[in-house]
């Protein structure tokens, strides 16, 4: 290991979660799960208080948020600063909060990790704001699409790419494939859950040996609310013969992906990465994704592309896969190979490099 590599390993790192992200078993979203996968035992993770067991990665310490009559965003920032002063980190990693990252960069080196479109985030909506961020701290995006969005309208800016990853060892053993078509994720319009139901309603009767399942709810966690969208979707799903299971723990989702013949990711929203597609490929399912956001880049040639709202397109892609077992097998194998590129070992090595880059970046700013 080089000198810089040893320095990166020894860094004291404080990771700040978004205010709504729960670092708890059974309640964690995609960001918390990613942080847990990559965290070293001595990394400190902080965020909102939890009542269940924390995720295994790092050492979780909840923020002490005051009950002062200030805006919640301000109270969260003050609590993060207090946590930083207590821990005295060499580096603070902030997920998905550009304004908070800029604030904390006054007190310590900061690395900002963007998991969504930065142009919609407070503190990064304008090119001037994004340029200022890039001048003050190391910015990382989870895909080339996110990096390109950050750079739009700016002068020369450097945005590192830190793809999401998964522990391939967590993938369940392959089961005999069931003739099931699976949608897994948040059951909202942006994710195309209604397009999934519409497509199955049109073609399901032609495939009596097949079933369709939606696993998920409006939000992550068992207490996810019933929404108007869900209330409208349920009778349509029932009429179409689509089983809606509600929220399921992450481990159960992976098991379902390892059993399903086909997994569909029909997002309308430009996915900044597409973790569901990556997990489905790792589990060996044949995958269909929308041609939006980072999804085409993530799946490469290991999945079919189908627009959720173009008449007949999603239906045709489903029929093609249900009719051709050989194509399903081919895509399943390509998917496993593609997913291996996003493995944990590669991600941890890259993380050390990016942490060292962030500290070096800050030192360069401080140099006379």
Protein backbone atom coordinates (compact mmCIF):
# COMPACT_ATOMS: atom_id res chain seq x y z
CA UNK A 1 0.00 0.00 0.00
CA UNK A 2 1.32 3.47 -0.87
CA UNK A 3 1.80 6.25 1.64
CA UNK A 4 -1.37 7.94 0.44
CA UNK A 5 -3.22 4.64 0.69
CA UNK A 6 -2.13 4.20 4.30
CA UNK A 7 -3.19 7.78 5.03
CA UNK A 8 -6.64 7.17 3.52
CA UNK A 9 -7.10 4.04 5.64
CA UNK A 10 -6.22 5.95 8.81
CA UNK A 11 -8.58 8.87 8.19
CA UNK A 12 -11.26 9.64 10.76
CA UNK A 13 -14.41 9.94 8.66
CA UNK A 14 -17.81 11.28 9.69
CA UNK A 15 -20.65 10.33 7.33
CA UNK A 16 -23.77 12.53 7.41
CA UNK A 17 -27.01 10.99 6.18
CA UNK A 18 -29.93 12.96 4.70
CA UNK A 19 -32.46 14.00 7.38
CA UNK A 20 -35.08 11.42 6.38
CA UNK A 21 -32.70 8.48 5.98
CA UNK A 22 -32.96 5.89 8.76
CA UNK A 23 -29.80 3.92 9.55
CA UNK A 24 -31.83 1.01 10.90
CA UNK A 25 -32.55 -2.59 9.99
CA UNK A 26 -35.86 -2.85 8.15
CA UNK A 27 -36.20 0.90 7.62
CA UNK A 28 -33.13 1.81 5.56
CA UNK A 29 -33.31 3.35 2.12
CA UNK A 30 -30.78 3.00 -0.68
CA UNK A 31 -28.33 5.58 0.72
CA UNK A 32 -28.19 4.03 4.19
CA UNK A 33 -27.69 0.55 2.74
CA UNK A 34 -24.85 1.80 0.54
CA UNK A 35 -23.16 3.58 3.45
CA UNK A 36 -23.39 0.43 5.56
CA UNK A 37 -21.84 -1.72 2.83
CA UNK A 38 -18.82 0.54 2.47
CA UNK A 39 -18.25 1.76 6.03
CA UNK A 40 -15.16 0.68 7.94
CA UNK A 41 -15.64 -0.27 11.62
CA UNK A 42 -14.15 3.02 12.82
CA UNK A 43 -16.20 5.24 10.51
CA UNK A 44 -18.79 7.27 12.37
CA UNK A 45 -22.25 7.50 10.81
CA UNK A 46 -24.71 10.13 11.97
CA UNK A 47 -28.30 11.03 11.18
CA UNK A 48 -31.74 11.07 12.73
CA UNK A 49 -32.40 8.99 15.85
CA UNK A 50 -33.63 5.43 15.35
CA UNK A 51 -35.49 2.99 17.58
CA UNK A 52 -34.39 -0.29 15.98
CA UNK A 53 -30.97 -1.90 15.61
CA UNK A 54 -28.59 0.15 13.46
CA UNK A 55 -27.18 -1.20 10.24
CA UNK A 56 -23.91 -3.11 10.73
CA UNK A 57 -21.49 -0.81 8.89
CA UNK A 58 -19.46 1.69 10.94
CA UNK A 59 -20.51 3.11 14.30
CA UNK A 60 -23.83 4.94 14.30
CA UNK A 61 -24.29 7.91 16.65
CA UNK A 62 -27.63 9.75 16.34
CA UNK A 63 -27.67 13.50 16.04
CA UNK A 64 -28.82 15.54 19.00
CA UNK A 65 -31.33 17.84 17.35
CA UNK A 66 -32.54 20.70 19.52
CA UNK A 67 -36.15 21.65 20.10
CA UNK A 68 -35.42 25.30 19.43
CA UNK A 69 -38.08 27.09 17.32
CA UNK A 70 -35.83 27.20 14.26
CA UNK A 71 -36.41 25.70 10.80
CA UNK A 72 -35.73 21.96 10.77
CA UNK A 73 -33.03 22.35 8.12
CA UNK A 74 -31.12 24.81 10.32
CA UNK A 75 -31.44 22.60 13.40
CA UNK A 76 -30.15 19.61 11.43
CA UNK A 77 -27.14 21.59 10.21
CA UNK A 78 -26.31 22.80 13.73
CA UNK A 79 -26.56 19.23 15.03
CA UNK A 80 -24.20 18.03 12.28
CA UNK A 81 -21.69 20.74 13.18
CA UNK A 82 -21.89 19.74 16.83
CA UNK A 83 -21.28 16.10 15.87
CA UNK A 84 -18.26 17.13 13.81
CA UNK A 85 -16.78 19.18 16.64
CA UNK A 86 -17.25 16.23 18.99
CA UNK A 87 -15.71 13.63 16.64
CA UNK A 88 -13.03 15.88 15.07
CA UNK A 89 -12.98 14.09 11.71
CA UNK A 90 -10.29 14.35 9.07
CA UNK A 91 -13.08 14.23 6.48
CA UNK A 92 -16.85 14.71 6.46
CA UNK A 93 -18.88 12.87 3.84
CA UNK A 94 -22.29 14.40 3.14
CA UNK A 95 -24.89 12.52 1.12
CA UNK A 96 -27.36 14.40 -1.09
CA UNK A 97 -27.33 17.74 0.77
CA UNK A 98 -25.27 20.33 -1.16
CA UNK A 99 -26.20 23.23 1.12
CA UNK A 100 -25.18 21.27 4.22
CA UNK A 101 -21.93 20.17 2.58
CA UNK A 102 -21.02 23.75 1.75
CA UNK A 103 -21.77 24.86 5.32
CA UNK A 104 -19.67 22.10 6.88
CA UNK A 105 -16.78 22.74 4.48
CA UNK A 106 -15.99 25.86 6.52
CA UNK A 107 -14.90 23.62 9.38
CA UNK A 108 -13.38 20.47 7.82
CA UNK A 109 -12.63 18.85 4.46
CA UNK A 110 -15.89 17.67 2.89
CA UNK A 111 -16.82 15.20 0.18
CA UNK A 112 -20.33 15.55 -1.31
CA UNK A 113 -21.91 12.39 -2.72
CA UNK A 114 -24.87 13.03 -5.04
CA UNK A 115 -27.39 10.21 -5.46
CA UNK A 116 -30.03 12.23 -7.35
CA UNK A 117 -30.31 15.00 -9.92
CA UNK A 118 -28.36 17.88 -8.33
CA UNK A 119 -30.27 20.47 -10.33
CA UNK A 120 -33.28 19.85 -8.09
CA UNK A 121 -31.39 20.17 -4.79
CA UNK A 122 -31.21 23.13 -2.46
CA UNK A 123 -27.83 24.76 -2.89
CA UNK A 124 -27.18 23.28 -6.34
CA UNK A 125 -30.09 24.43 -8.49
CA UNK A 126 -28.17 27.06 -10.46
CA UNK A 127 -24.89 26.74 -12.37
CA UNK A 128 -23.37 29.39 -10.08
CA UNK A 129 -24.24 27.35 -6.99
CA UNK A 130 -22.81 24.17 -8.50
CA UNK A 131 -19.66 26.00 -9.59
CA UNK A 132 -19.19 27.26 -6.05
CA UNK A 133 -19.56 23.75 -4.67
CA UNK A 134 -17.00 22.37 -7.11
CA UNK A 135 -14.59 25.13 -6.12
CA UNK A 136 -14.94 24.40 -2.40
CA UNK A 137 -15.08 20.61 -2.04
CA UNK A 138 -14.84 17.30 -3.86
CA UNK A 139 -18.12 16.47 -5.61
CA UNK A 140 -18.96 12.86 -6.48
CA UNK A 141 -21.92 11.50 -8.44
CA UNK A 142 -23.20 7.93 -8.49
CA UNK A 143 -23.30 7.85 -12.30
CA UNK A 144 -22.14 9.69 -15.39
CA UNK A 145 -25.67 11.01 -15.77
CA UNK A 146 -25.51 12.69 -12.34
CA UNK A 147 -22.06 14.10 -13.12
CA UNK A 148 -23.28 15.51 -16.44
CA UNK A 149 -26.29 17.11 -14.76
CA UNK A 150 -24.03 18.75 -12.19
CA UNK A 151 -21.78 20.18 -14.91
CA UNK A 152 -24.61 21.62 -17.05
CA UNK A 153 -24.17 25.35 -17.52
CA UNK A 154 -20.96 25.47 -15.49
CA UNK A 155 -17.44 26.26 -16.53
CA UNK A 156 -14.84 23.50 -16.23
CA UNK A 157 -15.74 21.45 -13.15
CA UNK A 158 -14.44 18.15 -11.87
CA UNK A 159 -17.01 15.61 -10.69
CA UNK A 160 -15.77 12.19 -9.63
CA UNK A 161 -17.98 9.18 -10.32
CA UNK A 162 -18.58 6.80 -7.44
CA UNK A 163 -21.06 4.18 -8.65
CA UNK A 164 -23.36 2.47 -6.24
CA UNK A 165 -22.31 -1.05 -5.41
CA UNK A 166 -23.60 -4.25 -3.91
CA UNK A 167 -22.13 -7.16 -2.02
CA UNK A 168 -22.39 -10.00 -4.51
CA UNK A 169 -22.04 -12.39 -1.57
CA UNK A 170 -25.47 -11.21 -0.38
CA UNK A 171 -27.14 -12.49 -3.53
CA UNK A 172 -29.27 -15.52 -2.64
CA UNK A 173 -28.46 -18.87 -4.14
CA UNK A 174 -30.19 -19.22 -7.47
CA UNK A 175 -33.57 -20.91 -7.22
CA UNK A 176 -35.45 -22.64 -10.01
CA UNK A 177 -36.89 -19.74 -11.96
CA UNK A 178 -40.59 -19.19 -11.48
CA UNK A 179 -42.74 -17.85 -14.30
CA UNK A 180 -43.16 -14.59 -12.45
CA UNK A 181 -42.71 -11.00 -13.61
CA UNK A 182 -41.60 -8.77 -10.75
CA UNK A 183 -41.73 -5.04 -10.03
CA UNK A 184 -39.75 -4.15 -6.88
CA UNK A 185 -39.39 -0.66 -5.46
CA UNK A 186 -41.39 2.37 -4.45
CA UNK A 187 -44.94 2.12 -5.73
CA UNK A 188 -45.27 5.61 -7.16
CA UNK A 189 -45.98 7.08 -10.58
CA UNK A 190 -42.36 8.13 -11.11
CA UNK A 191 -41.30 4.48 -10.84
CA UNK A 192 -43.91 3.39 -13.40
CA UNK A 193 -45.86 1.00 -11.18
CA UNK A 194 -49.07 1.89 -13.02
CA UNK A 195 -47.39 1.21 -16.37
CA UNK A 196 -46.44 -2.24 -15.06
CA UNK A 197 -50.07 -2.95 -14.15
CA UNK A 198 -51.33 -1.59 -17.48
CA UNK A 199 -48.91 -3.76 -19.45
CA UNK A 200 -49.80 -6.89 -17.51
CA UNK A 201 -53.50 -6.20 -17.89
CA UNK A 202 -53.01 -6.17 -21.67
CA UNK A 203 -50.90 -9.33 -22.01
CA UNK A 204 -51.42 -11.38 -18.85
CA UNK A 205 -54.48 -13.29 -20.13
CA UNK A 206 -52.35 -14.63 -23.01
CA UNK A 207 -49.91 -16.24 -20.55
CA UNK A 208 -51.97 -18.33 -18.10
CA UNK A 209 -48.88 -20.01 -16.63
CA UNK A 210 -47.33 -16.70 -15.61
CA UNK A 211 -47.89 -14.39 -12.63
CA UNK A 212 -47.06 -10.74 -11.92
CA UNK A 213 -46.05 -9.25 -8.57
CA UNK A 214 -45.47 -5.76 -7.17
CA UNK A 215 -43.28 -5.69 -4.06
CA UNK A 216 -43.02 -2.33 -2.35
CA UNK A 217 -44.93 0.60 -0.95
CA UNK A 218 -44.94 4.37 -1.23
CA UNK A 219 -41.89 4.58 1.04
CA UNK A 220 -39.34 2.32 2.65
CA UNK A 221 -40.42 0.72 5.92
CA UNK A 222 -43.48 -1.11 7.24
CA UNK A 223 -45.23 2.12 8.28
CA UNK A 224 -45.46 3.44 4.71
CA UNK A 225 -48.73 5.36 4.22
CA UNK A 226 -51.59 4.55 1.90
CA UNK A 227 -51.54 7.22 -0.82
CA UNK A 228 -54.11 8.32 -3.41
CA UNK A 229 -51.89 6.72 -6.08
CA UNK A 230 -51.95 3.38 -4.26
CA UNK A 231 -55.68 3.62 -3.69
CA UNK A 232 -56.24 4.08 -7.43
CA UNK A 233 -53.76 1.37 -8.39
CA UNK A 234 -55.00 -1.43 -6.12
CA UNK A 235 -58.32 -2.17 -7.89
CA UNK A 236 -56.60 -2.02 -11.29
CA UNK A 237 -53.92 -4.43 -10.09
CA UNK A 238 -56.51 -6.80 -8.66
CA UNK A 239 -58.48 -6.75 -11.90
CA UNK A 240 -55.30 -7.42 -13.89
CA UNK A 241 -54.26 -10.27 -11.58
CA UNK A 242 -51.18 -8.47 -10.20
CA UNK A 243 -50.31 -9.40 -6.61
CA UNK A 244 -49.33 -6.41 -4.44
CA UNK A 245 -47.38 -7.52 -1.37
CA UNK A 246 -46.70 -4.13 0.21
CA UNK A 247 -43.37 -3.24 1.79
CA UNK A 248 -40.87 -6.09 2.10
CA UNK A 249 -37.41 -6.16 3.75
CA UNK A 250 -34.45 -5.85 1.42
CA UNK A 251 -33.40 -9.49 1.91
CA UNK A 252 -36.84 -10.67 0.81
CA UNK A 253 -36.66 -8.48 -2.29
CA UNK A 254 -33.38 -10.15 -3.29
CA UNK A 255 -34.91 -13.59 -2.76
CA UNK A 256 -37.81 -12.65 -5.01
CA UNK A 257 -35.40 -11.42 -7.68
CA UNK A 258 -33.49 -14.71 -7.48
CA UNK A 259 -36.76 -16.57 -8.11
CA UNK A 260 -38.40 -14.34 -10.73
CA UNK A 261 -37.89 -14.99 -14.41
CA UNK A 262 -38.21 -11.29 -15.28
CA UNK A 263 -37.72 -8.06 -13.34
CA UNK A 264 -39.09 -4.81 -14.77
CA UNK A 265 -37.80 -1.32 -13.90
CA UNK A 266 -40.27 0.91 -15.83
CA UNK A 267 -39.23 4.27 -14.38
CA UNK A 268 -40.50 7.52 -15.84
CA UNK A 269 -38.22 9.47 -13.53
CA UNK A 270 -34.66 9.73 -14.88
CA UNK A 271 -33.00 7.29 -12.50
CA UNK A 272 -29.71 8.73 -11.26
CA UNK A 273 -28.36 5.19 -10.91
CA UNK A 274 -30.87 2.34 -10.83
CA UNK A 275 -30.04 0.09 -7.88
CA UNK A 276 -33.03 -2.15 -8.52
CA UNK A 277 -31.72 -2.95 -11.99
CA UNK A 278 -28.25 -3.74 -10.63
CA UNK A 279 -29.65 -6.05 -7.95
CA UNK A 280 -31.91 -7.81 -10.45
CA UNK A 281 -28.97 -8.42 -12.78
CA UNK A 282 -26.87 -9.75 -9.90
CA UNK A 283 -29.69 -12.16 -9.06
CA UNK A 284 -29.69 -13.52 -12.61
CA UNK A 285 -33.15 -12.35 -13.68
CA UNK A 286 -33.86 -11.16 -17.20
CA UNK A 287 -34.29 -7.41 -16.86
CA UNK A 288 -36.30 -4.73 -18.68
CA UNK A 289 -35.51 -1.07 -17.95
CA UNK A 290 -36.65 2.31 -19.20
CA UNK A 291 -34.26 4.21 -21.49
CA UNK A 292 -34.00 7.15 -19.08
CA UNK A 293 -31.40 8.62 -16.75
CA UNK A 294 -28.48 6.35 -15.89
CA UNK A 295 -30.35 3.09 -16.51
CA UNK A 296 -29.04 2.39 -20.04
CA UNK A 297 -25.48 3.05 -18.87
CA UNK A 298 -25.83 0.77 -15.84
CA UNK A 299 -27.28 -2.24 -17.68
CA UNK A 300 -25.22 -1.97 -20.87
CA UNK A 301 -26.19 -4.84 -23.20
CA UNK A 302 -27.47 -6.98 -20.32
CA UNK A 303 -31.12 -5.88 -20.43
CA UNK A 304 -33.92 -4.86 -22.77
CA UNK A 305 -34.90 -1.19 -23.02
CA UNK A 306 -38.60 -0.29 -23.14
CA UNK A 307 -40.36 3.02 -22.63
CA UNK A 308 -43.17 2.66 -20.07
CA UNK A 309 -45.58 5.04 -21.78
CA UNK A 310 -44.96 4.46 -25.50
CA UNK A 311 -47.98 2.44 -26.66
CA UNK A 312 -47.28 -1.29 -26.74
CA UNK A 313 -43.53 -1.06 -26.17
CA UNK A 314 -43.35 -2.43 -22.62
CA UNK A 315 -45.95 -5.04 -23.50
CA UNK A 316 -43.88 -6.17 -26.51
CA UNK A 317 -40.70 -6.45 -24.43
CA UNK A 318 -42.49 -8.57 -21.84
CA UNK A 319 -43.94 -10.86 -24.50
CA UNK A 320 -40.55 -11.25 -26.12
CA UNK A 321 -38.99 -12.45 -22.87
CA UNK A 322 -41.90 -14.66 -21.83
CA UNK A 323 -41.86 -16.32 -25.26
CA UNK A 324 -38.09 -16.92 -25.37
CA UNK A 325 -36.53 -18.91 -22.52
CA UNK A 326 -33.15 -18.84 -24.26
CA UNK A 327 -33.15 -15.04 -24.35
CA UNK A 328 -34.05 -14.93 -20.65
CA UNK A 329 -31.13 -17.23 -19.89
CA UNK A 330 -28.75 -15.18 -22.04
CA UNK A 331 -29.71 -11.90 -20.38
CA UNK A 332 -29.50 -13.49 -16.94
CA UNK A 333 -25.89 -14.54 -17.58
CA UNK A 334 -24.96 -11.17 -19.07
CA UNK A 335 -26.58 -9.49 -16.08
CA UNK A 336 -24.48 -11.41 -13.57
CA UNK A 337 -21.32 -10.48 -15.46
CA UNK A 338 -22.38 -6.84 -15.64
CA UNK A 339 -23.27 -6.68 -11.94
CA UNK A 340 -19.85 -8.06 -10.98
CA UNK A 341 -18.34 -4.77 -12.22
CA UNK A 342 -20.13 -3.03 -9.33
CA UNK A 343 -18.85 -5.35 -6.62
CA UNK A 344 -17.87 -4.40 -3.10
CA UNK A 345 -14.13 -4.95 -3.43
CA UNK A 346 -13.80 -2.50 -6.31
CA UNK A 347 -16.03 0.02 -4.54
CA UNK A 348 -14.03 -0.05 -1.32
CA UNK A 349 -10.76 0.48 -3.17
CA UNK A 350 -12.26 3.44 -5.02
CA UNK A 351 -13.65 4.85 -1.78
CA UNK A 352 -10.17 5.06 -0.26
CA UNK A 353 -8.92 6.89 -3.35
CA UNK A 354 -11.79 9.38 -3.27
CA UNK A 355 -11.35 10.07 0.43
CA UNK A 356 -7.71 10.84 -0.11
CA UNK A 357 -8.59 13.06 -3.07
CA UNK A 358 -11.05 14.99 -0.92
CA UNK A 359 -8.47 15.65 1.79
CA UNK A 360 -5.84 16.62 -0.79
CA UNK A 361 -8.36 18.93 -2.48
CA UNK A 362 -8.98 20.72 0.81
CA UNK A 363 -5.27 21.02 1.49
CA UNK A 364 -4.82 22.58 -1.92
CA UNK A 365 -7.42 25.22 -1.08
CA UNK A 366 -5.68 25.98 2.20
CA UNK A 367 -2.22 26.28 0.66
CA UNK A 368 -0.93 29.85 0.26
